[in-house]
């Protein structure tokens, strides 16, 4: 799926401002896509301040949120009724030419992946948020893996996350 041009200003200013939550309700979305996958309706949502993924019992939000503790965990594990959830994140700072090449790869991956949503923010080339999701098999049956990328062209940062939801 090609990148969607988001009709909103680029709000995130730095990767350090991102927060993580599994407890938030829906935030206003700039773009949303529902994909049936792994027996679930997975909602991929791009926000003015990053992303939400709703899958089964998980309501994952990675965004700049007023009043929330800033910073993403390197890892997070939760045992939910009937499910196991894992989250991981990394932040990298790249020189301009490497940053541009990596953003192009992310946009290309999202375009080539059947279950994805990628948004480009106007006015700042390389400012994108992308989510790709796929079904995976696990030791106890169905599962999902989704990856996200949040890019910050003004300082060459790319935040990557990877989440896994597996039936127990």
Protein backbone atom coordinates (compact mmCIF):
# COMPACT_ATOMS: atom_id res chain seq x y z
CA UNK A 1 0.00 0.00 0.00
CA UNK A 2 1.43 3.37 -0.99
CA UNK A 3 2.03 6.09 1.60
CA UNK A 4 -0.98 8.20 2.48
CA UNK A 5 -0.45 11.96 2.49
CA UNK A 6 -1.54 13.02 5.96
CA UNK A 7 -3.54 16.21 6.17
CA UNK A 8 -1.96 17.48 9.39
CA UNK A 9 1.17 19.23 10.52
CA UNK A 10 4.12 17.17 11.70
CA UNK A 11 3.80 17.31 15.51
CA UNK A 12 6.55 15.06 16.86
CA UNK A 13 9.77 16.91 17.42
CA UNK A 14 12.06 14.28 18.93
CA UNK A 15 12.06 10.55 19.59
CA UNK A 16 12.55 11.24 23.32
CA UNK A 17 9.04 12.72 23.46
CA UNK A 18 7.35 9.43 22.55
CA UNK A 19 5.39 7.59 25.23
CA UNK A 20 4.11 4.01 25.39
CA UNK A 21 0.75 2.79 26.65
CA UNK A 22 -1.43 -0.29 26.50
CA UNK A 23 -4.36 1.36 28.26
CA UNK A 24 -5.48 4.31 26.12
CA UNK A 25 -8.72 4.65 24.25
CA UNK A 26 -8.86 5.76 20.64
CA UNK A 27 -7.19 9.03 19.81
CA UNK A 28 -8.20 11.07 16.74
CA UNK A 29 -6.70 9.30 13.73
CA UNK A 30 -5.38 10.87 10.54
CA UNK A 31 -5.58 7.52 8.77
CA UNK A 32 -6.90 4.10 9.74
CA UNK A 33 -6.97 0.68 8.17
CA UNK A 34 -8.67 -2.46 9.47
CA UNK A 35 -7.13 -5.75 8.33
CA UNK A 36 -8.55 -9.18 9.15
CA UNK A 37 -5.54 -11.25 10.15
CA UNK A 38 -4.92 -14.22 12.41
CA UNK A 39 -8.60 -14.43 13.30
CA UNK A 40 -8.66 -10.81 14.52
CA UNK A 41 -9.66 -7.48 13.05
CA UNK A 42 -6.43 -5.52 13.48
CA UNK A 43 -6.83 -1.75 13.48
CA UNK A 44 -3.78 0.17 12.25
CA UNK A 45 -4.13 3.86 13.16
CA UNK A 46 -1.85 6.80 12.37
CA UNK A 47 -2.19 9.75 14.72
CA UNK A 48 -1.00 13.33 14.59
CA UNK A 49 1.50 12.11 17.15
CA UNK A 50 2.40 8.61 15.89
CA UNK A 51 0.43 5.30 16.04
CA UNK A 52 -2.09 3.01 17.66
CA UNK A 53 -2.56 -0.70 16.94
CA UNK A 54 -5.62 -2.46 18.32
CA UNK A 55 -5.44 -6.26 18.07
CA UNK A 56 -7.46 -8.58 20.27
CA UNK A 57 -6.88 -7.50 23.90
CA UNK A 58 -4.03 -5.11 22.98
CA UNK A 59 -4.48 -1.35 22.61
CA UNK A 60 -0.90 -0.28 21.85
CA UNK A 61 -0.17 3.44 21.61
CA UNK A 62 3.20 4.99 20.81
CA UNK A 63 2.79 8.74 20.69
CA UNK A 64 3.65 12.12 22.14
CA UNK A 65 1.12 12.43 24.95
CA UNK A 66 0.64 15.36 27.30
CA UNK A 67 1.16 14.43 30.92
CA UNK A 68 2.54 10.95 30.18
CA UNK A 69 5.96 9.66 31.17
CA UNK A 70 8.26 10.23 28.20
CA UNK A 71 10.43 7.53 26.74
CA UNK A 72 9.79 4.11 25.23
CA UNK A 73 10.71 0.91 27.03
CA UNK A 74 13.41 -1.17 25.38
CA UNK A 75 11.16 -4.15 26.07
CA UNK A 76 7.78 -4.84 27.65
CA UNK A 77 6.02 -8.18 28.23
CA UNK A 78 2.41 -8.68 29.30
CA UNK A 79 0.44 -11.84 29.93
CA UNK A 80 -3.18 -11.21 29.00
CA UNK A 81 -6.09 -13.65 29.25
CA UNK A 82 -5.37 -16.19 26.51
CA UNK A 83 -2.53 -14.13 25.00
CA UNK A 84 1.12 -13.17 25.45
CA UNK A 85 2.30 -9.77 24.27
CA UNK A 86 5.86 -8.52 23.73
CA UNK A 87 7.03 -5.05 22.69
CA UNK A 88 10.50 -3.79 21.86
CA UNK A 89 11.86 -0.48 20.61
CA UNK A 90 15.10 1.01 19.36
CA UNK A 91 16.10 4.53 18.40
CA UNK A 92 18.91 5.27 15.97
CA UNK A 93 20.43 8.52 14.77
CA UNK A 94 21.72 8.40 11.18
CA UNK A 95 23.64 10.81 8.95
CA UNK A 96 21.42 12.48 6.29
CA UNK A 97 22.23 10.15 3.38
CA UNK A 98 21.72 6.99 5.46
CA UNK A 99 18.54 8.43 6.98
CA UNK A 100 17.04 9.14 3.54
CA UNK A 101 17.94 5.66 2.29
CA UNK A 102 16.40 4.01 5.35
CA UNK A 103 13.18 6.05 5.04
CA UNK A 104 12.94 5.00 1.39
CA UNK A 105 13.32 1.34 2.45
CA UNK A 106 10.57 1.70 5.07
CA UNK A 107 8.18 3.35 2.61
CA UNK A 108 9.00 0.65 0.04
CA UNK A 109 8.44 -2.15 2.56
CA UNK A 110 5.07 -0.70 3.54
CA UNK A 111 4.10 -0.35 -0.14
CA UNK A 112 5.08 -3.97 -0.82
CA UNK A 113 3.37 -5.43 2.27
CA UNK A 114 -0.28 -6.41 1.97
CA UNK A 115 -1.23 -5.44 5.54
CA UNK A 116 0.30 -2.02 6.16
CA UNK A 117 -0.39 1.65 6.65
CA UNK A 118 2.17 4.35 5.92
CA UNK A 119 1.66 8.08 6.22
CA UNK A 120 3.83 10.95 5.03
CA UNK A 121 3.57 14.31 6.78
CA UNK A 122 3.51 17.40 4.55
CA UNK A 123 6.21 20.03 4.56
CA UNK A 124 9.04 17.89 5.91
CA UNK A 125 10.48 15.30 3.48
CA UNK A 126 11.23 12.02 5.23
CA UNK A 127 8.68 12.56 8.03
CA UNK A 128 6.74 9.28 7.97
CA UNK A 129 5.01 6.86 10.27
CA UNK A 130 4.59 3.30 9.01
CA UNK A 131 3.00 0.13 10.41
CA UNK A 132 3.20 -3.35 8.88
CA UNK A 133 1.53 -6.44 10.35
CA UNK A 134 1.66 -10.13 9.51
CA UNK A 135 0.20 -13.35 10.88
CA UNK A 136 2.67 -15.81 12.38
CA UNK A 137 2.37 -19.27 13.85
CA UNK A 138 3.35 -19.82 17.44
CA UNK A 139 3.71 -22.83 19.72
CA UNK A 140 0.05 -22.48 20.79
CA UNK A 141 -1.51 -21.34 17.55
CA UNK A 142 -2.20 -18.01 15.95
CA UNK A 143 -0.20 -14.89 16.44
CA UNK A 144 0.63 -11.52 14.97
CA UNK A 145 3.78 -9.47 14.58
CA UNK A 146 3.70 -5.79 13.77
CA UNK A 147 6.54 -3.39 13.19
CA UNK A 148 6.44 0.38 13.17
CA UNK A 149 8.77 3.19 12.18
CA UNK A 150 8.62 6.83 13.26
CA UNK A 151 11.06 9.14 11.50
CA UNK A 152 12.47 12.49 12.59
CA UNK A 153 14.24 14.10 9.61
CA UNK A 154 15.17 17.24 11.52
CA UNK A 155 17.65 15.22 13.64
CA UNK A 156 18.07 11.99 11.65
CA UNK A 157 16.32 9.77 14.19
CA UNK A 158 14.37 6.62 13.38
CA UNK A 159 12.37 4.86 16.08
CA UNK A 160 11.59 1.23 15.27
CA UNK A 161 9.23 -0.95 17.27
CA UNK A 162 8.35 -4.61 17.05
CA UNK A 163 5.33 -6.15 18.80
CA UNK A 164 4.24 -9.76 19.02
CA UNK A 165 0.86 -11.08 20.14
CA UNK A 166 0.54 -14.86 20.52
CA UNK A 167 -2.32 -17.05 21.61
CA UNK A 168 -1.56 -19.18 24.68
